[in-house]
Amino acid sequence: MTERKPRGVTFESWVDKQIRTAQERGEFDDLPGAGKPLPGAGQTVEDQWWLKDYIRREGMSGEALLPTPLQLRKEAERLPETIRDLTTEQAVRDVATDLNRRIVEYLRTPTGPQVVVGPVNVDEVVARWRCDQIEPALRHAPGPDESEQRKTRWWHRFRR
């Protein structure tokens, strides 16, 4: 197929001749998928099917295609889940500070749709993280015995 198309011959007839000679030589025999139906044959074609297929093949989420302000807004909404497993306050502060840096970068030169996105309050994020760290410890703390809860009142002691 590296030869040039001769003058005076249409592309269609030249290509058809190339395919016919390749078939005669057996170059199309034993190709993988021979005799199998084409995937998606007979189905309606979706808008941007190639993009959806690429995202699926690469194992990406559709959020990678969102405009920057929407990505930042989603990341700010998911911040509590993101920091939940962090072990130190400094790591929590670093994550929140990095998010704020990217938000401020976007706000300085906004591109894409105008979506309201603002910096997060790092101290509030740290305070919520502390509460989430303390709460599981309280849930698993041993509770008082029922016998201790059923103590009699002081004035009942003298009723006998």
Protein backbone atom coordinates (compact mmCIF):
# COMPACT_ATOMS: atom_id res chain seq x y z
CA MET A 1 0.00 0.00 0.00
CA THR A 2 2.98 2.31 -0.14
CA GLU A 3 2.70 2.82 -3.87
CA ARG A 4 1.20 6.01 -5.19
CA LYS A 5 -2.12 6.25 -6.96
CA PRO A 6 -1.57 6.41 -10.70
CA ARG A 7 -2.88 9.42 -12.60
CA GLY A 8 -6.24 9.12 -14.23
CA VAL A 9 -7.48 6.44 -11.80
CA THR A 10 -10.12 7.37 -9.25
CA PHE A 11 -9.38 6.81 -5.60
CA GLU A 12 -12.29 4.43 -5.24
CA SER A 13 -11.20 2.11 -8.02
CA TRP A 14 -7.57 2.24 -6.90
CA VAL A 15 -8.45 1.38 -3.29
CA ASP A 16 -10.81 -1.39 -4.41
CA LYS A 17 -7.98 -2.88 -6.50
CA GLN A 18 -5.60 -2.75 -3.50
CA ILE A 19 -8.16 -4.55 -1.29
CA ARG A 20 -8.91 -7.18 -3.95
CA THR A 21 -5.20 -8.01 -4.46
CA ALA A 22 -4.65 -8.22 -0.69
CA GLN A 23 -7.59 -10.63 -0.39
CA GLU A 24 -6.16 -12.75 -3.17
CA ARG A 25 -2.82 -12.93 -1.39
CA GLY A 26 -4.65 -14.02 1.80
CA GLU A 27 -3.62 -11.08 3.95
CA PHE A 28 -7.07 -10.86 5.53
CA ASP A 29 -7.22 -14.56 6.50
CA ASP A 30 -7.04 -15.52 10.20
CA LEU A 31 -7.43 -11.99 11.56
CA PRO A 32 -8.55 -11.77 15.20
CA GLY A 33 -12.31 -11.33 15.41
CA ALA A 34 -12.93 -12.75 11.94
CA GLY A 35 -16.52 -13.91 11.58
CA LYS A 36 -17.63 -12.22 14.80
CA PRO A 37 -20.17 -9.40 14.80
CA LEU A 38 -18.97 -5.86 15.28
CA PRO A 39 -19.54 -4.60 18.84
CA GLY A 40 -22.54 -2.29 19.02
CA ALA A 41 -23.78 -3.18 15.52
CA GLY A 42 -27.49 -2.44 15.19
CA GLN A 43 -27.61 -0.14 18.23
CA THR A 44 -28.31 3.55 18.11
CA VAL A 45 -25.24 5.74 18.26
CA GLU A 46 -25.08 7.95 21.38
CA ASP A 47 -23.74 11.47 21.38
CA GLN A 48 -20.01 11.48 22.07
CA TRP A 49 -19.87 7.68 22.24
CA TRP A 50 -16.14 7.75 21.59
CA LEU A 51 -15.55 9.94 24.65
CA LYS A 52 -17.64 7.71 26.91
CA ASP A 53 -15.81 4.65 25.60
CA TYR A 54 -12.42 6.30 26.19
CA ILE A 55 -13.33 7.18 29.79
CA ARG A 56 -14.52 3.63 30.43
CA ARG A 57 -11.41 2.05 28.86
CA GLU A 58 -9.01 4.29 30.79
CA GLY A 59 -10.82 3.74 34.08
CA MET A 60 -11.37 7.45 34.59
CA SER A 61 -14.38 9.09 36.16
CA GLY A 62 -16.51 11.49 34.18
CA GLU A 63 -15.57 14.23 36.64
CA ALA A 64 -12.18 14.58 34.96
CA LEU A 65 -13.99 16.24 32.05
CA LEU A 66 -15.82 18.80 34.17
CA PRO A 67 -14.79 22.45 33.99
CA THR A 68 -12.39 23.63 36.69
CA PRO A 69 -14.93 25.47 38.88
CA LEU A 70 -17.19 22.42 39.04
CA GLN A 71 -14.25 20.16 39.88
CA LEU A 72 -13.20 22.50 42.68
CA ARG A 73 -16.75 22.77 44.02
CA LYS A 74 -17.16 18.98 44.09
CA GLU A 75 -13.80 18.62 45.80
CA ALA A 76 -14.82 21.17 48.46
CA GLU A 77 -18.08 19.26 49.03
CA ARG A 78 -16.18 15.99 49.44
CA LEU A 79 -13.53 17.45 51.72
CA PRO A 80 -14.94 15.86 54.92
CA GLU A 81 -14.74 12.37 53.35
CA THR A 82 -11.28 13.13 51.99
CA ILE A 83 -9.82 14.10 55.36
CA ARG A 84 -11.66 11.48 57.42
CA ASP A 85 -8.83 8.93 57.21
CA LEU A 86 -5.97 11.38 57.77
CA THR A 87 -4.10 10.86 61.02
CA THR A 88 -2.63 14.27 61.84
CA GLU A 89 -3.97 17.77 62.06
CA GLN A 90 -1.12 19.04 59.89
CA ALA A 91 -2.10 16.65 57.09
CA VAL A 92 -5.70 17.96 57.28
CA ARG A 93 -4.45 21.55 57.15
CA ASP A 94 -2.22 20.72 54.16
CA VAL A 95 -5.10 19.21 52.19
CA ALA A 96 -7.43 22.14 52.94
CA THR A 97 -4.70 24.70 52.19
CA ASP A 98 -3.90 23.03 48.85
CA LEU A 99 -7.59 23.12 47.89
CA ASN A 100 -7.76 26.81 48.86
CA ARG A 101 -4.66 27.54 46.78
CA ARG A 102 -6.25 25.97 43.69
CA ILE A 103 -9.55 27.81 44.32
CA VAL A 104 -7.75 31.16 44.60
CA GLU A 105 -5.79 30.36 41.42
CA TYR A 106 -9.05 29.79 39.59
CA LEU A 107 -10.65 32.94 41.04
CA ARG A 108 -7.74 35.06 39.81
CA THR A 109 -8.21 33.93 36.20
CA PRO A 110 -11.66 32.35 35.88
CA THR A 111 -12.31 30.18 32.85
CA GLY A 112 -15.33 28.14 31.87
CA PRO A 113 -18.80 28.56 33.32
CA GLN A 114 -19.31 31.07 36.10
CA VAL A 115 -19.91 28.83 39.11
CA VAL A 116 -19.79 30.20 42.63
CA VAL A 117 -16.87 28.59 44.43
CA GLY A 118 -15.11 30.05 47.42
CA PRO A 119 -12.22 29.05 49.68
CA VAL A 120 -12.93 26.74 52.59
CA ASN A 121 -12.30 27.78 56.18
CA VAL A 122 -9.31 25.67 57.25
CA ASP A 123 -10.02 26.08 60.98
CA GLU A 124 -13.61 24.84 60.55
CA VAL A 125 -12.38 21.86 58.54
CA VAL A 126 -9.87 20.99 61.28
CA ALA A 127 -12.53 21.41 63.99
CA ARG A 128 -14.90 19.05 62.13
CA TRP A 129 -12.06 16.57 61.66
CA ARG A 130 -11.34 16.66 65.41
CA CYS A 131 -15.00 16.00 66.21
CA ASP A 132 -15.04 13.08 63.79
CA GLN A 133 -11.90 11.68 65.42
CA ILE A 134 -13.29 11.98 68.95
CA GLU A 135 -16.77 10.65 68.12
CA PRO A 136 -15.74 7.05 67.24
CA ALA A 137 -13.70 6.85 70.44
CA LEU A 138 -16.78 7.83 72.46
CA ARG A 139 -18.97 5.33 70.62
CA HIS A 140 -16.63 2.46 71.48
CA ALA A 141 -16.01 3.52 75.08
CA PRO A 142 -17.42 1.08 77.62
CA GLY A 143 -20.71 2.31 78.99
CA PRO A 144 -21.58 2.43 82.69
CA ASP A 145 -23.05 -0.70 84.25
CA GLU A 146 -26.78 -0.85 84.58
CA SER A 147 -26.39 -1.36 88.31
CA GLU A 148 -24.65 2.00 88.57
CA GLN A 149 -27.43 3.65 86.59
CA ARG A 150 -30.12 2.29 88.93
CA LYS A 151 -28.74 3.87 92.08
CA THR A 152 -31.35 4.92 94.52
CA ARG A 153 -31.90 8.50 95.38
CA TRP A 154 -30.48 9.75 98.67
CA TRP A 155 -33.85 10.37 100.24
CA HIS A 156 -34.99 6.83 99.48
CA ARG A 157 -32.30 5.54 101.80
CA PHE A 158 -34.09 6.99 104.81
CA ARG A 159 -37.55 5.72 103.93
CA ARG A 160 -37.15 2.38 105.67
